Amino acid sequence: MSDFQRSIAMALAKLAQSGTQVYLMHGNRDFLLGRAFCRLARCQLLEDPTVIELNGHRVLLSHGDAFCTQDLAYMRMRRWLRNPLSSCCCAICRWQPARSSRASYATKAALRPA
């Protein structure tokens, strides 16, 4: 876990320590967050989608990208990225999606062990 990720986890843990229940759902670029981050952040990772009860009403919580059903290329990529085996490989390789080749180079450089 990077110093930046640790600082986010610690900020969430501070919020949780104040009595606020903290929940987290995977989004586009944080799909590798797992149990270790949630333990440190003192938050609960929610499945996508999750149905909760709120003020007597059932409410669907979802990141929303699963509803992009017309974007077949994205749906294939999402299925691959959210597959536990793919996530394991990404975590081992410390791979992160980047927006451009320049960002990809910067990301790889930043992720190299010191």
C-alpha atoms as a PDB file:
ATOM      1  CA  MET A   1       0.000   0.000   0.000  1.00  0.00           C
ATOM      2  CA  SER A   2       1.381   3.394  -0.968  1.00  0.00           C
ATOM      3  CA  ASP A   3       1.732   6.313   1.441  1.00  0.00           C
ATOM      4  CA  PHE A   4      -1.128   8.057  -0.395  1.00  0.00           C
ATOM      5  CA  GLN A   5      -3.419   5.040  -0.024  1.00  0.00           C
ATOM      6  CA  ARG A   6      -2.446   4.704   3.634  1.00  0.00           C
ATOM      7  CA  SER A   7      -3.261   8.390   4.237  1.00  0.00           C
ATOM      8  CA  ILE A   8      -6.745   7.873   2.772  1.00  0.00           C
ATOM      9  CA  ALA A   9      -7.277   4.767   4.891  1.00  0.00           C
ATOM     10  CA  MET A  10      -6.173   6.621   8.009  1.00  0.00           C
ATOM     11  CA  ALA A  11      -8.538   9.527   7.267  1.00  0.00           C
ATOM     12  CA  LEU A  12     -11.422   7.070   6.870  1.00  0.00           C
ATOM     13  CA  ALA A  13     -10.382   5.314  10.087  1.00  0.00           C
ATOM     14  CA  LYS A  14     -10.421   8.652  11.917  1.00  0.00           C
ATOM     15  CA  LEU A  15     -13.944   9.245  10.620  1.00  0.00           C
ATOM     16  CA  ALA A  16     -14.980   5.746  11.743  1.00  0.00           C
ATOM     17  CA  GLN A  17     -13.392   6.303  15.149  1.00  0.00           C
ATOM     18  CA  SER A  18     -15.585   9.399  15.577  1.00  0.00           C
ATOM     19  CA  GLY A  19     -18.637   7.138  15.412  1.00  0.00           C
ATOM     20  CA  THR A  20     -19.536   7.362  11.719  1.00  0.00           C
ATOM     21  CA  GLN A  21     -20.106   4.042   9.989  1.00  0.00           C
ATOM     22  CA  VAL A  22     -18.003   3.996   6.815  1.00  0.00           C
ATOM     23  CA  TYR A  23     -18.877   1.898   3.781  1.00  0.00           C
ATOM     24  CA  LEU A  24     -16.970   1.522   0.537  1.00  0.00           C
ATOM     25  CA  MET A  25     -17.990   0.226  -2.878  1.00  0.00           C
ATOM     26  CA  HIS A  26     -15.565  -0.416  -5.718  1.00  0.00           C
ATOM     27  CA  GLY A  27     -15.492   2.133  -8.514  1.00  0.00           C
ATOM     28  CA  ASN A  28     -13.545   2.429 -11.764  1.00  0.00           C
ATOM     29  CA  ARG A  29     -10.035   2.835 -10.404  1.00  0.00           C
ATOM     30  CA  ASP A  30     -10.231   1.335  -6.936  1.00  0.00           C
ATOM     31  CA  PHE A  31     -11.298  -2.207  -7.775  1.00  0.00           C
ATOM     32  CA  LEU A  32      -8.169  -3.642  -6.137  1.00  0.00           C
ATOM     33  CA  LEU A  33      -9.080  -2.292  -2.708  1.00  0.00           C
ATOM     34  CA  GLY A  34      -9.633  -5.237  -0.456  1.00  0.00           C
ATOM     35  CA  ARG A  35      -9.725  -6.534   3.086  1.00  0.00           C
ATOM     36  CA  ALA A  36      -6.392  -5.066   4.181  1.00  0.00           C
ATOM     37  CA  PHE A  37      -7.402  -1.539   3.164  1.00  0.00           C
ATOM     38  CA  CYS A  38     -10.838  -1.928   4.771  1.00  0.00           C
ATOM     39  CA  ARG A  39      -9.325  -3.216   8.032  1.00  0.00           C
ATOM     40  CA  LEU A  40      -6.968  -0.254   8.190  1.00  0.00           C
ATOM     41  CA  ALA A  41      -9.716   2.200   7.180  1.00  0.00           C
ATOM     42  CA  ARG A  42     -12.215   0.595   9.575  1.00  0.00           C
ATOM     43  CA  CYS A  43     -14.810   0.451   6.812  1.00  0.00           C
ATOM     44  CA  GLN A  44     -17.040  -2.201   5.327  1.00  0.00           C
ATOM     45  CA  LEU A  45     -16.695  -3.129   1.648  1.00  0.00           C
ATOM     46  CA  LEU A  46     -20.102  -3.409  -0.007  1.00  0.00           C
ATOM     47  CA  GLU A  47     -20.951  -5.701  -2.889  1.00  0.00           C
ATOM     48  CA  ASP A  48     -22.071  -4.016  -6.098  1.00  0.00           C
ATOM     49  CA  PRO A  49     -25.044  -3.837  -6.131  1.00  0.00           C
ATOM     50  CA  THR A  50     -26.255  -3.788  -2.526  1.00  0.00           C
ATOM     51  CA  VAL A  51     -29.808  -3.234  -1.307  1.00  0.00           C
ATOM     52  CA  ILE A  52     -30.177  -1.392   2.000  1.00  0.00           C
ATOM     53  CA  GLU A  53     -33.116  -0.231   4.105  1.00  0.00           C
ATOM     54  CA  LEU A  54     -33.208   3.561   4.467  1.00  0.00           C
ATOM     55  CA  ASN A  55     -36.026   5.316   6.298  1.00  0.00           C
ATOM     56  CA  GLY A  56     -38.356   2.393   5.653  1.00  0.00           C
ATOM     57  CA  HIS A  57     -37.523   2.142   1.948  1.00  0.00           C
ATOM     58  CA  ARG A  58     -35.412  -0.409   0.104  1.00  0.00           C
ATOM     59  CA  VAL A  59     -32.638   1.454  -1.725  1.00  0.00           C
ATOM     60  CA  LEU A  60     -30.308   0.032  -4.372  1.00  0.00           C
ATOM     61  CA  LEU A  61     -26.681   1.156  -4.033  1.00  0.00           C
ATOM     62  CA  SER A  62     -24.516   0.639  -7.088  1.00  0.00           C
ATOM     63  CA  HIS A  63     -21.467   2.158  -8.691  1.00  0.00           C
ATOM     64  CA  GLY A  64     -23.570   2.232 -11.844  1.00  0.00           C
ATOM     65  CA  ASP A  65     -21.115   1.095 -14.482  1.00  0.00           C
ATOM     66  CA  ALA A  66     -22.836  -2.309 -14.663  1.00  0.00           C
ATOM     67  CA  PHE A  67     -25.730  -0.514 -16.345  1.00  0.00           C
ATOM     68  CA  CYS A  68     -23.599   0.538 -19.351  1.00  0.00           C
ATOM     69  CA  THR A  69     -24.874  -2.510 -21.215  1.00  0.00           C
ATOM     70  CA  GLN A  70     -24.488  -0.993 -24.695  1.00  0.00           C
ATOM     71  CA  ASP A  71     -20.734  -0.491 -24.226  1.00  0.00           C
ATOM     72  CA  LEU A  72     -19.693  -4.064 -24.901  1.00  0.00           C
ATOM     73  CA  ALA A  73     -15.951  -3.371 -24.815  1.00  0.00           C
ATOM     74  CA  TYR A  74     -16.261  -1.734 -21.384  1.00  0.00           C
ATOM     75  CA  MET A  75     -18.433  -4.579 -20.099  1.00  0.00           C
ATOM     76  CA  ARG A  76     -15.774  -7.123 -21.183  1.00  0.00           C
ATOM     77  CA  MET A  77     -13.024  -5.074 -19.539  1.00  0.00           C
ATOM     78  CA  ARG A  78     -15.122  -4.670 -16.373  1.00  0.00           C
ATOM     79  CA  ARG A  79     -15.773  -8.404 -16.201  1.00  0.00           C
ATOM     80  CA  TRP A  80     -12.037  -9.086 -16.591  1.00  0.00           C
ATOM     81  CA  LEU A  81     -10.938  -6.452 -14.067  1.00  0.00           C
ATOM     82  CA  ARG A  82     -13.478  -7.557 -11.450  1.00  0.00           C
ATOM     83  CA  ASN A  83     -12.635 -11.242 -11.804  1.00  0.00           C
ATOM     84  CA  PRO A  84     -10.876 -12.386  -8.592  1.00  0.00           C
ATOM     85  CA  LEU A  85      -8.088 -14.085 -10.577  1.00  0.00           C
ATOM     86  CA  SER A  86      -7.455 -10.950 -12.653  1.00  0.00           C
ATOM     87  CA  SER A  87      -7.512  -8.802  -9.529  1.00  0.00           C
ATOM     88  CA  CYS A  88      -4.955 -11.105  -7.916  1.00  0.00           C
ATOM     89  CA  CYS A  89      -2.689 -10.856 -10.976  1.00  0.00           C
ATOM     90  CA  CYS A  90      -3.062  -7.062 -11.050  1.00  0.00           C
ATOM     91  CA  ALA A  91      -2.246  -6.812  -7.352  1.00  0.00           C
ATOM     92  CA  ILE A  92       0.817  -9.027  -7.721  1.00  0.00           C
ATOM     93  CA  CYS A  93       2.058  -6.999 -10.695  1.00  0.00           C
ATOM     94  CA  ARG A  94       1.019  -3.754  -8.972  1.00  0.00           C
ATOM     95  CA  TRP A  95      -0.689  -2.783 -12.235  1.00  0.00           C
ATOM     96  CA  GLN A  96      -3.049   0.153 -12.396  1.00  0.00           C
ATOM     97  CA  PRO A  97      -5.048   1.345 -15.408  1.00  0.00           C
ATOM     98  CA  ALA A  98      -3.734   4.603 -16.809  1.00  0.00           C
ATOM     99  CA  ARG A  99      -5.311   7.239 -19.008  1.00  0.00           C
ATOM    100  CA  SER A 100      -2.465   7.565 -21.518  1.00  0.00           C
ATOM    101  CA  SER A 101       0.919   6.120 -22.328  1.00  0.00           C
ATOM    102  CA  ARG A 102       2.553   9.097 -20.581  1.00  0.00           C
ATOM    103  CA  ALA A 103       0.423   8.472 -17.490  1.00  0.00           C
ATOM    104  CA  SER A 104       1.187   4.774 -17.789  1.00  0.00           C
ATOM    105  CA  TYR A 105       4.932   5.485 -17.757  1.00  0.00           C
ATOM    106  CA  ALA A 106       4.531   7.823 -14.763  1.00  0.00           C
ATOM    107  CA  THR A 107       2.395   5.265 -12.946  1.00  0.00           C
ATOM    108  CA  LYS A 108       4.906   2.467 -13.537  1.00  0.00           C
ATOM    109  CA  ALA A 109       7.759   4.700 -12.381  1.00  0.00           C
ATOM    110  CA  ALA A 110       5.865   5.692  -9.242  1.00  0.00           C
ATOM    111  CA  LEU A 111       4.998   2.091  -8.418  1.00  0.00           C
ATOM    112  CA  ARG A 112       8.553   0.765  -8.631  1.00  0.00           C
ATOM    113  CA  PRO A 113       9.826  -0.347  -5.239  1.00  0.00           C
ATOM    114  CA  ALA A 114      12.309   2.087  -3.707  1.00  0.00           C
END
